[in-house]
Amino acid sequence: MIPLRESMILKNEFAIVAVALDRSANGDRLMLKDIRTGKISYFDPLELESLVWSSHKDLTDLLDPSKTRWIHEVDDLES
């Protein structure tokens, strides 16, 4: 389990995530954890800057949960 130091929880009606600064790698990065599933991803400054320069239109496919997020849940229920 990764300790969530310097972390905060962000939530709305669609998602709940923990956000923390991770200093264990070869430079600071942002750690995001989906509280519902436990999935964790890390983002370095270049990846975060790319998000800043993206438009909401650029993120449309990424924000559609049917494309990535819930695909395996049906498989899990059938097993």
N, C-alpha and C. Protein backbone atom coordinates (compact mmCIF):
# COMPACT_ATOMS: atom_id res chain seq x y z
N MET A 1 0.84 -1.18 0.00
CA MET A 1 0.00 0.00 0.00
C MET A 1 0.88 1.25 0.00
N ILE A 2 0.56 2.20 -0.81
CA ILE A 2 1.32 3.43 -0.92
C ILE A 2 0.80 4.44 0.10
N PRO A 3 1.67 4.98 0.96
CA PRO A 3 1.19 5.99 1.91
C PRO A 3 0.80 7.27 1.18
N LEU A 4 -0.31 7.85 1.59
CA LEU A 4 -0.81 9.06 0.94
C LEU A 4 -0.42 10.29 1.76
N ARG A 5 0.85 10.62 1.75
CA ARG A 5 1.30 11.83 2.43
C ARG A 5 0.99 13.03 1.56
N GLU A 6 0.75 14.14 2.20
CA GLU A 6 0.41 15.38 1.47
C GLU A 6 -0.73 15.13 0.49
N SER A 7 -1.72 14.36 0.89
CA SER A 7 -2.79 14.00 -0.04
C SER A 7 -4.08 14.74 0.26
N MET A 8 -4.96 14.71 -0.71
CA MET A 8 -6.30 15.25 -0.55
C MET A 8 -7.24 14.39 -1.36
N ILE A 9 -8.50 14.42 -0.98
CA ILE A 9 -9.54 13.67 -1.69
C ILE A 9 -10.38 14.67 -2.48
N LEU A 10 -10.60 14.35 -3.75
CA LEU A 10 -11.47 15.15 -4.61
C LEU A 10 -12.63 14.25 -5.04
N LYS A 11 -13.85 14.77 -4.95
CA LYS A 11 -14.99 13.93 -5.35
C LYS A 11 -16.13 14.79 -5.89
N ASN A 12 -16.91 14.12 -6.71
CA ASN A 12 -18.17 14.68 -7.17
C ASN A 12 -19.12 13.50 -7.38
N GLU A 13 -20.22 13.72 -8.07
CA GLU A 13 -21.19 12.65 -8.25
C GLU A 13 -20.70 11.53 -9.18
N PHE A 14 -19.60 11.75 -9.89
CA PHE A 14 -19.11 10.78 -10.86
C PHE A 14 -17.85 10.04 -10.43
N ALA A 15 -17.05 10.62 -9.54
CA ALA A 15 -15.75 10.02 -9.20
C ALA A 15 -15.28 10.49 -7.84
N ILE A 16 -14.39 9.67 -7.25
CA ILE A 16 -13.70 10.06 -6.03
C ILE A 16 -12.25 9.60 -6.16
N VAL A 17 -11.33 10.56 -6.06
CA VAL A 17 -9.91 10.25 -6.23
C VAL A 17 -9.08 10.87 -5.11
N ALA A 18 -8.00 10.19 -4.79
CA ALA A 18 -7.00 10.75 -3.88
C ALA A 18 -5.88 11.32 -4.74
N VAL A 19 -5.39 12.47 -4.36
CA VAL A 19 -4.31 13.14 -5.09
C VAL A 19 -3.18 13.37 -4.10
N ALA A 20 -1.97 12.96 -4.48
CA ALA A 20 -0.83 13.13 -3.57
C ALA A 20 0.43 13.42 -4.37
N LEU A 21 1.36 14.08 -3.73
CA LEU A 21 2.68 14.33 -4.31
C LEU A 21 3.56 13.14 -3.97
N ASP A 22 4.14 12.51 -5.00
CA ASP A 22 5.01 11.36 -4.79
C ASP A 22 6.45 11.79 -5.06
N ARG A 23 7.31 11.59 -4.08
CA ARG A 23 8.71 11.98 -4.21
C ARG A 23 9.64 10.78 -4.20
N SER A 24 9.10 9.58 -4.40
CA SER A 24 9.91 8.37 -4.32
C SER A 24 10.59 8.03 -5.64
N ALA A 25 10.23 8.68 -6.72
CA ALA A 25 10.81 8.38 -8.04
C ALA A 25 12.00 9.30 -8.31
N ASN A 26 12.41 9.35 -9.54
CA ASN A 26 13.55 10.17 -9.96
C ASN A 26 13.09 11.61 -10.23
N GLY A 27 12.33 12.15 -9.34
CA GLY A 27 11.75 13.48 -9.48
C GLY A 27 10.33 13.46 -8.99
N ASP A 28 9.82 14.62 -8.65
CA ASP A 28 8.46 14.70 -8.16
C ASP A 28 7.46 14.35 -9.25
N ARG A 29 6.37 13.73 -8.82
CA ARG A 29 5.28 13.40 -9.74
C ARG A 29 3.99 13.38 -8.94
N LEU A 30 2.89 13.41 -9.64
CA LEU A 30 1.58 13.41 -9.01
C LEU A 30 1.04 11.98 -9.03
N MET A 31 0.54 11.53 -7.88
CA MET A 31 -0.07 10.22 -7.79
C MET A 31 -1.57 10.42 -7.68
N LEU A 32 -2.32 9.75 -8.54
CA LEU A 32 -3.77 9.78 -8.50
C LEU A 32 -4.28 8.37 -8.23
N LYS A 33 -5.20 8.25 -7.29
CA LYS A 33 -5.76 6.93 -6.95
C LYS A 33 -7.27 6.99 -7.04
N ASP A 34 -7.84 6.10 -7.84
CA ASP A 34 -9.29 5.95 -7.93
C ASP A 34 -9.72 5.20 -6.66
N ILE A 35 -10.42 5.88 -5.78
CA ILE A 35 -10.80 5.29 -4.50
C ILE A 35 -11.73 4.09 -4.70
N ARG A 36 -12.59 4.14 -5.68
CA ARG A 36 -13.56 3.06 -5.92
C ARG A 36 -12.87 1.75 -6.30
N THR A 37 -11.87 1.83 -7.17
CA THR A 37 -11.23 0.60 -7.67
C THR A 37 -9.85 0.35 -7.08
N GLY A 38 -9.22 1.39 -6.54
CA GLY A 38 -7.85 1.24 -6.04
C GLY A 38 -6.79 1.44 -7.11
N LYS A 39 -7.19 1.69 -8.35
CA LYS A 39 -6.22 1.90 -9.43
C LYS A 39 -5.42 3.17 -9.17
N ILE A 40 -4.11 3.08 -9.38
CA ILE A 40 -3.20 4.20 -9.15
C ILE A 40 -2.45 4.52 -10.44
N SER A 41 -2.30 5.80 -10.74
CA SER A 41 -1.49 6.25 -11.87
C SER A 41 -0.61 7.41 -11.40
N TYR A 42 0.55 7.52 -12.03
CA TYR A 42 1.51 8.59 -11.72
C TYR A 42 1.69 9.46 -12.94
N PHE A 43 1.82 10.77 -12.72
CA PHE A 43 1.98 11.72 -13.82
C PHE A 43 3.15 12.63 -13.52
N ASP A 44 4.11 12.68 -14.46
CA ASP A 44 5.26 13.56 -14.28
C ASP A 44 4.91 14.96 -14.79
N PRO A 45 5.78 15.94 -14.55
CA PRO A 45 5.46 17.31 -14.96
C PRO A 45 5.16 17.47 -16.45
N LEU A 46 5.84 16.74 -17.32
CA LEU A 46 5.56 16.85 -18.75
C LEU A 46 4.15 16.38 -19.07
N GLU A 47 3.73 15.28 -18.47
CA GLU A 47 2.37 14.78 -18.71
C GLU A 47 1.34 15.77 -18.19
N LEU A 48 1.60 16.36 -17.04
CA LEU A 48 0.67 17.34 -16.49
C LEU A 48 0.61 18.60 -17.33
N GLU A 49 1.76 19.05 -17.84
CA GLU A 49 1.76 20.22 -18.71
C GLU A 49 0.97 19.94 -19.98
N SER A 50 1.06 18.72 -20.48
CA SER A 50 0.28 18.36 -21.67
C SER A 50 -1.22 18.46 -21.40
N LEU A 51 -1.65 18.10 -20.20
CA LEU A 51 -3.06 18.27 -19.84
C LEU A 51 -3.46 19.73 -19.83
N VAL A 52 -2.58 20.57 -19.31
CA VAL A 52 -2.86 22.01 -19.25
C VAL A 52 -3.09 22.57 -20.64
N TRP A 53 -2.31 22.12 -21.60
CA TRP A 53 -2.42 22.63 -22.96
C TRP A 53 -3.50 21.94 -23.78
N SER A 54 -4.12 20.89 -23.24
CA SER A 54 -5.19 20.19 -23.94
C SER A 54 -6.50 20.97 -23.80
N SER A 55 -7.32 20.84 -24.81
CA SER A 55 -8.66 21.42 -24.70
C SER A 55 -9.61 20.34 -24.18
N HIS A 56 -10.77 20.75 -23.76
CA HIS A 56 -11.75 19.77 -23.32
C HIS A 56 -12.14 18.84 -24.46
N LYS A 57 -12.14 19.35 -25.67
CA LYS A 57 -12.45 18.52 -26.83
C LYS A 57 -11.39 17.41 -26.99
N ASP A 58 -10.12 17.74 -26.71
CA ASP A 58 -9.05 16.74 -26.79
C ASP A 58 -9.28 15.59 -25.81
N LEU A 59 -9.97 15.86 -24.72
CA LEU A 59 -10.14 14.87 -23.65
C LEU A 59 -11.46 14.10 -23.73
N THR A 60 -12.27 14.37 -24.74
CA THR A 60 -13.59 13.76 -24.83
C THR A 60 -13.55 12.24 -24.74
N ASP A 61 -12.72 11.58 -25.52
CA ASP A 61 -12.64 10.12 -25.48
C ASP A 61 -12.12 9.62 -24.13
N LEU A 62 -11.18 10.34 -23.57
CA LEU A 62 -10.63 9.96 -22.27
C LEU A 62 -11.69 10.03 -21.17
N LEU A 63 -12.59 10.99 -21.27
CA LEU A 63 -13.61 11.19 -20.24
C LEU A 63 -14.84 10.30 -20.41
N ASP A 64 -14.90 9.53 -21.48
CA ASP A 64 -16.03 8.63 -21.70
C ASP A 64 -15.75 7.31 -20.98
N PRO A 65 -16.40 7.05 -19.84
CA PRO A 65 -16.08 5.86 -19.06
C PRO A 65 -16.40 4.55 -19.78
N SER A 66 -17.28 4.57 -20.77
CA SER A 66 -17.61 3.34 -21.47
C SER A 66 -16.46 2.87 -22.36
N LYS A 67 -15.51 3.73 -22.65
CA LYS A 67 -14.39 3.35 -23.52
C LYS A 67 -13.28 2.62 -22.77
N THR A 68 -13.12 2.91 -21.47
CA THR A 68 -12.01 2.29 -20.73
C THR A 68 -12.39 1.81 -19.34
N ARG A 69 -13.16 2.57 -18.64
CA ARG A 69 -13.32 2.35 -17.21
C ARG A 69 -14.17 1.14 -16.85
N TRP A 70 -15.28 0.91 -17.53
CA TRP A 70 -16.20 -0.13 -17.11
C TRP A 70 -16.16 -1.36 -18.02
N ILE A 71 -15.23 -1.43 -18.91
CA ILE A 71 -15.18 -2.55 -19.85
C ILE A 71 -15.02 -3.88 -19.12
N HIS A 72 -14.12 -3.95 -18.15
CA HIS A 72 -13.82 -5.21 -17.49
C HIS A 72 -14.82 -5.58 -16.40
N GLU A 73 -15.67 -4.66 -15.97
CA GLU A 73 -16.65 -4.98 -14.94
C GLU A 73 -17.63 -6.03 -15.42
N VAL A 74 -18.04 -6.00 -16.70
CA VAL A 74 -18.93 -7.02 -17.23
C VAL A 74 -18.24 -8.36 -17.21
N ASP A 75 -16.96 -8.40 -17.60
CA ASP A 75 -16.19 -9.65 -17.56
C ASP A 75 -16.09 -10.18 -16.13
N ASP A 76 -15.91 -9.29 -15.15
CA ASP A 76 -15.79 -9.70 -13.75
C ASP A 76 -17.09 -10.33 -13.26
N LEU A 77 -18.24 -9.80 -13.69
CA LEU A 77 -19.52 -10.33 -13.25
C LEU A 77 -19.81 -11.70 -13.86
N GLU A 78 -19.31 -11.95 -15.07
CA GLU A 78 -19.57 -13.22 -15.75
C GLU A 78 -18.68 -14.33 -15.23
N SER A 79 -17.57 -14.00 -14.59
CA SER A 79 -16.62 -15.04 -14.11
C SER A 79 -17.16 -15.79 -12.93
